[in-house]
Amino acid sequence: MVKLTIKEIAEQLQSINHLNHPFLEEMKKDTRKGVQSLIKKKYEAIKKLELEREQFFTMMQYENAMKLEGFNLIAGIDEVGRGPLAGPVVAAAVILPEHFYLGGINDSKQLTEQKRDEFYNIILDQAAIGVGIISAEEIDRINIYEATKKAMLAALNDLSVFPDYCLIDAMKLTIPVPQTSIIKGDAKSISIAAASIVAKVTRDRMMKRYSEKYPQYHFESNMGYGTKEHIDALHTYGPCPIHRKTFAPIKEMV
C-alpha cells in the first residue's frame, strides 16, 4: 500500500471532526514525525470544538427552559460602558433564531477584538437586533443607573419584533413581558452573550471614531476607561465634550 504524503494527510484531516474517526486511528500508527504532529494538532482542535459545543449548550439552559414554558421570542439584553469616564452607555437586545449555533461565543470581555468582530457579523446576519445609546450628557443628567435602564429599553424598542420573554444581565426593567435578571448573565446565557458582543463592538467603534476627533485622550485604546494614560491626559487638557462631568475625577476638575 502506497503511503500518503504529509500534504495529502493534512488535506484529509480537514474534513474530520470527531475523535473516533477511522482515519485518525490509522494515522496514529504512522511513525513519521510530521504525521504525528498533524495528528496531535487535530486532536487538540477537535477537543477544543467539543468543549465549545459543551459550553454552548450549557449556556442554552435559560433559553431552553423558557422554550419549554412556551416562549418563542426570547431576547437577551446587556449593556457596555457603565464604568468609563467618557462616551455613551450602549445596550443591545438580541433575539437569536431557532437552531442558532456559534461555537466559542462568550461574554464579550473574554473574546479578542478579532473574534468579537467575527461573531458580531454572524449575529448581525442571523438574529434580530436592537441597540440603545445614551450619551455622556444624558448620563450626567439622569445618572448612570437610570441611563443604563434607558439604553436597555431603547434597545428593546429598536427590535423589529418585540420579544415575549427577556433575559437581562443583572438588571430589572419595567416592561410588559416576563423577565429574568441573571448576575453575570453574559457568561451564562447565549442570548445575553450575543447582546454583550453587539453592545461592545458598537461602543468600541464609536469610541474609535471619537478618538479621531479627540486624539489626545487615546480613546481608541482605552475606550473611555480611566487608564493612567487617560487620567494624565485629563490633567493636561481637561475634559472634552464626551466626558462624563459627574464622574470622578472629572467632577472635581469641572
Protein backbone atom coordinates (compact mmCIF):
# COMPACT_ATOMS: atom_id res chain seq x y z
CA MET A 1 0.00 0.00 0.00
CA VAL A 2 1.39 3.41 -1.01
CA LYS A 3 1.85 5.79 1.91
CA LEU A 4 0.03 9.10 1.69
CA THR A 5 2.20 12.19 1.66
CA ILE A 6 2.02 14.50 4.68
CA LYS A 7 0.28 17.08 2.50
CA GLU A 8 -2.36 14.52 1.46
CA ILE A 9 -2.89 13.52 5.10
CA ALA A 10 -3.30 17.18 6.09
CA GLU A 11 -5.94 17.64 3.39
CA GLN A 12 -7.91 14.58 4.55
CA LEU A 13 -7.74 15.68 8.18
CA GLN A 14 -9.51 18.97 7.37
CA SER A 15 -12.89 17.25 7.00
CA ILE A 16 -12.62 15.17 10.20
CA ASN A 17 -14.47 16.47 13.25
CA HIS A 18 -14.67 13.63 15.77
CA LEU A 19 -12.02 11.77 17.76
CA ASN A 20 -13.07 8.22 16.83
CA HIS A 21 -12.73 8.65 13.08
CA PRO A 22 -11.07 5.55 11.49
CA PHE A 23 -8.60 7.71 9.53
CA LEU A 24 -7.28 9.24 12.76
CA GLU A 25 -6.83 5.78 14.25
CA GLU A 26 -4.99 4.65 11.13
CA MET A 27 -2.70 7.68 11.03
CA LYS A 28 -1.74 7.21 14.70
CA LYS A 29 0.25 4.18 13.52
CA ASP A 30 2.30 6.29 11.08
CA THR A 31 5.67 6.90 12.74
CA ARG A 32 6.64 9.96 10.70
CA LYS A 33 7.16 12.99 12.94
CA GLY A 34 5.28 15.25 10.54
CA VAL A 35 2.26 12.95 10.62
CA GLN A 36 2.30 12.68 14.41
CA SER A 37 2.48 16.47 14.67
CA LEU A 38 -0.58 16.77 12.39
CA ILE A 39 -2.48 14.18 14.42
CA LYS A 40 -1.67 15.93 17.71
CA LYS A 41 -2.88 19.30 16.37
CA LYS A 42 -6.04 17.69 15.00
CA TYR A 43 -6.83 16.05 18.34
CA GLU A 44 -6.36 19.39 20.12
CA ALA A 45 -8.58 21.18 17.58
CA ILE A 46 -11.36 18.59 17.91
CA LYS A 47 -11.21 18.69 21.72
CA LYS A 48 -11.48 22.48 21.59
CA LEU A 49 -14.54 22.24 19.34
CA GLU A 50 -16.12 19.69 21.70
CA LEU A 51 -15.52 21.95 24.71
CA GLU A 52 -17.03 24.89 22.82
CA ARG A 53 -20.09 22.81 21.93
CA GLU A 54 -20.46 21.66 25.54
CA GLN A 55 -20.17 25.25 26.80
CA PHE A 56 -22.66 26.47 24.22
CA PHE A 57 -25.35 24.00 25.27
CA THR A 58 -24.69 24.74 28.95
CA MET A 59 -25.27 28.42 28.16
CA MET A 60 -28.57 27.50 26.47
CA GLN A 61 -30.12 26.40 29.79
CA TYR A 62 -32.20 29.56 30.32
CA GLU A 63 -33.36 29.74 26.71
CA ASN A 64 -34.31 26.04 26.71
CA ALA A 65 -36.22 26.38 29.99
CA MET A 66 -38.24 29.31 28.63
CA LYS A 67 -38.99 27.48 25.39
CA LEU A 68 -40.35 24.54 27.39
CA GLU A 69 -42.71 27.02 29.05
CA GLY A 70 -43.97 28.09 25.62
CA PHE A 71 -41.97 31.29 25.00
CA ASN A 72 -40.62 31.66 21.46
CA LEU A 73 -39.17 35.16 21.11
CA ILE A 74 -36.54 35.30 23.85
CA ALA A 75 -34.39 38.42 23.95
CA GLY A 76 -31.04 38.66 25.65
CA ILE A 77 -30.22 42.18 26.89
CA ASP A 78 -26.86 43.55 28.01
CA GLU A 79 -25.01 46.85 28.22
CA VAL A 80 -21.46 48.07 27.86
CA GLY A 81 -19.98 51.28 29.22
CA ARG A 82 -21.24 51.82 32.75
CA GLY A 83 -17.75 52.40 34.14
CA PRO A 84 -15.88 54.62 31.65
CA LEU A 85 -15.16 58.31 32.23
CA ALA A 86 -16.14 59.20 28.66
CA GLY A 87 -18.54 58.20 25.92
CA PRO A 88 -22.02 56.70 25.91
CA VAL A 89 -23.52 53.67 27.58
CA VAL A 90 -24.66 51.23 24.90
CA ALA A 91 -27.17 48.41 25.27
CA ALA A 92 -28.18 45.69 22.86
CA ALA A 93 -31.17 43.35 22.68
CA VAL A 94 -30.79 40.17 20.62
CA ILE A 95 -33.33 37.52 19.65
CA LEU A 96 -31.48 34.52 18.26
CA PRO A 97 -33.10 32.32 15.61
CA GLU A 98 -34.17 28.72 16.20
CA HIS A 99 -31.27 26.23 15.91
CA PHE A 100 -28.67 29.02 16.21
CA TYR A 101 -25.16 27.73 16.93
CA LEU A 102 -21.95 29.69 17.38
CA GLY A 103 -19.12 27.72 18.98
CA GLY A 104 -16.91 29.81 21.27
CA ILE A 105 -19.48 32.52 22.00
CA ASN A 106 -18.99 34.03 25.44
CA ASP A 107 -19.02 37.23 27.45
CA SER A 108 -17.58 39.84 25.06
CA LYS A 109 -14.81 40.72 27.57
CA GLN A 110 -13.48 37.16 27.26
CA LEU A 111 -13.06 37.40 23.48
CA THR A 112 -10.36 39.01 21.36
CA GLU A 113 -11.31 42.03 19.28
CA GLN A 114 -10.94 39.96 16.12
CA LYS A 115 -13.24 37.24 17.48
CA ARG A 116 -15.79 39.82 18.66
CA ASP A 117 -15.89 41.37 15.20
CA GLU A 118 -16.29 37.93 13.60
CA PHE A 119 -19.11 36.95 15.98
CA TYR A 120 -20.75 40.39 15.63
CA ASN A 121 -21.09 39.89 11.87
CA ILE A 122 -22.58 36.41 12.32
CA ILE A 123 -25.09 37.62 14.93
CA LEU A 124 -25.99 40.65 12.81
CA ASP A 125 -26.61 38.37 9.83
CA GLN A 126 -28.79 35.82 11.65
CA ALA A 127 -30.51 37.46 14.62
CA ALA A 128 -32.99 40.24 15.36
CA ILE A 129 -31.00 43.08 16.93
CA GLY A 130 -31.87 46.32 18.70
CA VAL A 131 -29.40 48.92 20.01
CA GLY A 132 -29.85 51.72 22.53
CA ILE A 133 -27.31 54.52 23.03
CA ILE A 134 -27.38 57.08 25.85
CA SER A 135 -24.89 59.96 25.63
CA ALA A 136 -22.49 61.17 28.32
CA GLU A 137 -24.56 64.36 28.61
CA GLU A 138 -27.70 62.38 29.41
CA ILE A 139 -25.78 60.11 31.80
CA ASP A 140 -24.80 63.25 33.73
CA ARG A 141 -28.41 64.42 33.76
CA ILE A 142 -30.16 61.24 34.94
CA ASN A 143 -27.24 59.16 36.46
CA ILE A 144 -25.60 56.03 35.07
CA TYR A 145 -28.06 53.55 36.59
CA GLU A 146 -31.07 55.24 35.02
CA ALA A 147 -29.14 55.75 31.78
CA THR A 148 -28.36 52.03 31.64
CA LYS A 149 -32.04 51.14 32.04
CA LYS A 150 -32.98 53.71 29.42
CA ALA A 151 -30.42 52.26 26.97
CA MET A 152 -31.79 48.75 27.53
CA LEU A 153 -35.38 49.90 26.96
CA ALA A 154 -34.29 51.75 23.81
CA ALA A 155 -32.57 48.58 22.57
CA LEU A 156 -35.75 46.58 23.19
CA ASN A 157 -37.86 49.09 21.32
CA ASP A 158 -35.34 49.10 18.46
CA LEU A 159 -36.02 45.40 17.76
CA SER A 160 -38.01 44.65 14.62
CA VAL A 161 -40.21 42.30 16.67
CA PHE A 162 -40.96 42.63 20.40
CA PRO A 163 -39.98 39.58 22.50
CA ASP A 164 -42.31 37.56 24.71
CA TYR A 165 -39.55 36.95 27.30
CA CYS A 166 -36.38 38.80 28.30
CA LEU A 167 -33.14 37.55 29.84
CA ILE A 168 -31.31 40.56 31.26
CA ASP A 169 -27.80 40.90 32.60
CA ALA A 170 -28.07 41.95 36.27
CA MET A 171 -30.91 44.45 35.77
CA LYS A 172 -34.70 44.57 36.08
CA LEU A 173 -36.78 46.62 33.69
CA THR A 174 -40.35 47.88 33.68
CA ILE A 175 -41.60 46.03 30.60
CA PRO A 176 -44.89 44.35 29.55
CA VAL A 177 -43.36 40.85 29.28
CA PRO A 178 -41.84 38.48 31.87
CA GLN A 179 -38.11 38.66 32.53
CA THR A 180 -35.25 37.02 34.37
CA SER A 181 -32.34 39.03 35.72
CA ILE A 182 -29.13 36.99 35.68
CA ILE A 183 -25.96 38.01 37.52
CA LYS A 184 -23.02 37.62 35.11
CA GLY A 185 -25.60 36.68 32.52
CA ASP A 186 -23.20 37.30 29.63
CA ALA A 187 -21.30 34.18 30.71
CA LYS A 188 -24.44 32.10 31.44
CA SER A 189 -26.86 32.81 28.61
CA ILE A 190 -26.24 32.60 24.87
CA SER A 191 -28.71 35.43 24.17
CA ILE A 192 -27.13 37.77 26.73
CA ALA A 193 -23.63 36.88 25.47
CA ALA A 194 -24.74 37.79 21.94
CA ALA A 195 -26.15 41.10 23.22
CA SER A 196 -22.88 41.74 25.06
CA ILE A 197 -20.91 41.29 21.83
CA VAL A 198 -23.21 43.57 19.82
CA ALA A 199 -23.11 46.28 22.50
CA LYS A 200 -19.33 46.16 22.91
CA VAL A 201 -18.50 46.19 19.21
CA THR A 202 -20.96 49.05 18.68
CA ARG A 203 -19.50 51.11 21.52
CA ASP A 204 -15.85 50.35 20.71
CA ARG A 205 -16.37 51.51 17.14
CA MET A 206 -17.96 54.72 18.40
CA MET A 207 -15.01 55.37 20.74
CA LYS A 208 -12.55 54.82 17.89
CA ARG A 209 -14.39 57.46 15.88
CA TYR A 210 -14.30 59.82 18.87
CA SER A 211 -10.54 59.24 19.13
CA GLU A 212 -10.12 60.83 15.69
CA LYS A 213 -11.83 63.98 16.98
CA TYR A 214 -10.12 63.97 20.41
CA PRO A 215 -6.80 62.15 19.80
CA GLN A 216 -5.13 63.39 22.98
CA TYR A 217 -7.21 61.03 25.17
CA HIS A 218 -6.38 57.84 23.22
CA PHE A 219 -9.99 56.64 23.23
CA GLU A 220 -9.09 54.11 20.51
CA SER A 221 -7.19 52.06 23.10
CA ASN A 222 -8.81 52.88 26.46
CA MET A 223 -12.43 53.13 25.20
CA GLY A 224 -13.01 55.92 27.72
CA TYR A 225 -11.99 53.92 30.78
CA GLY A 226 -9.79 55.57 33.41
CA THR A 227 -6.37 54.26 32.43
CA LYS A 228 -3.27 56.12 33.64
CA GLU A 229 -2.75 57.50 30.14
CA HIS A 230 -6.33 58.78 30.07
CA ILE A 231 -6.12 60.36 33.55
CA ASP A 232 -2.82 62.04 32.65
CA ALA A 233 -4.44 63.48 29.50
CA LEU A 234 -7.35 64.78 31.58
CA HIS A 235 -4.95 66.61 33.89
CA THR A 236 -3.11 68.04 30.89
CA TYR A 237 -6.01 69.00 28.61
CA GLY A 238 -9.05 68.95 30.87
CA PRO A 239 -12.28 67.15 29.86
CA CYS A 240 -13.76 67.19 26.36
CA PRO A 241 -17.49 67.27 25.42
CA ILE A 242 -17.95 63.48 25.67
CA HIS A 243 -16.51 63.20 29.19
CA ARG A 244 -18.95 62.43 31.99
CA LYS A 245 -18.90 65.51 34.17
CA THR A 246 -20.47 63.78 37.19
CA PHE A 247 -17.76 61.08 37.33
CA ALA A 248 -14.64 61.44 39.49
CA PRO A 249 -12.04 62.82 38.92
CA ILE A 250 -13.74 64.93 36.23
CA LYS A 251 -16.35 66.42 38.57
CA GLU A 252 -13.52 67.88 40.69
CA MET A 253 -11.96 69.41 37.57
CA VAL A 254 -15.26 70.89 36.42
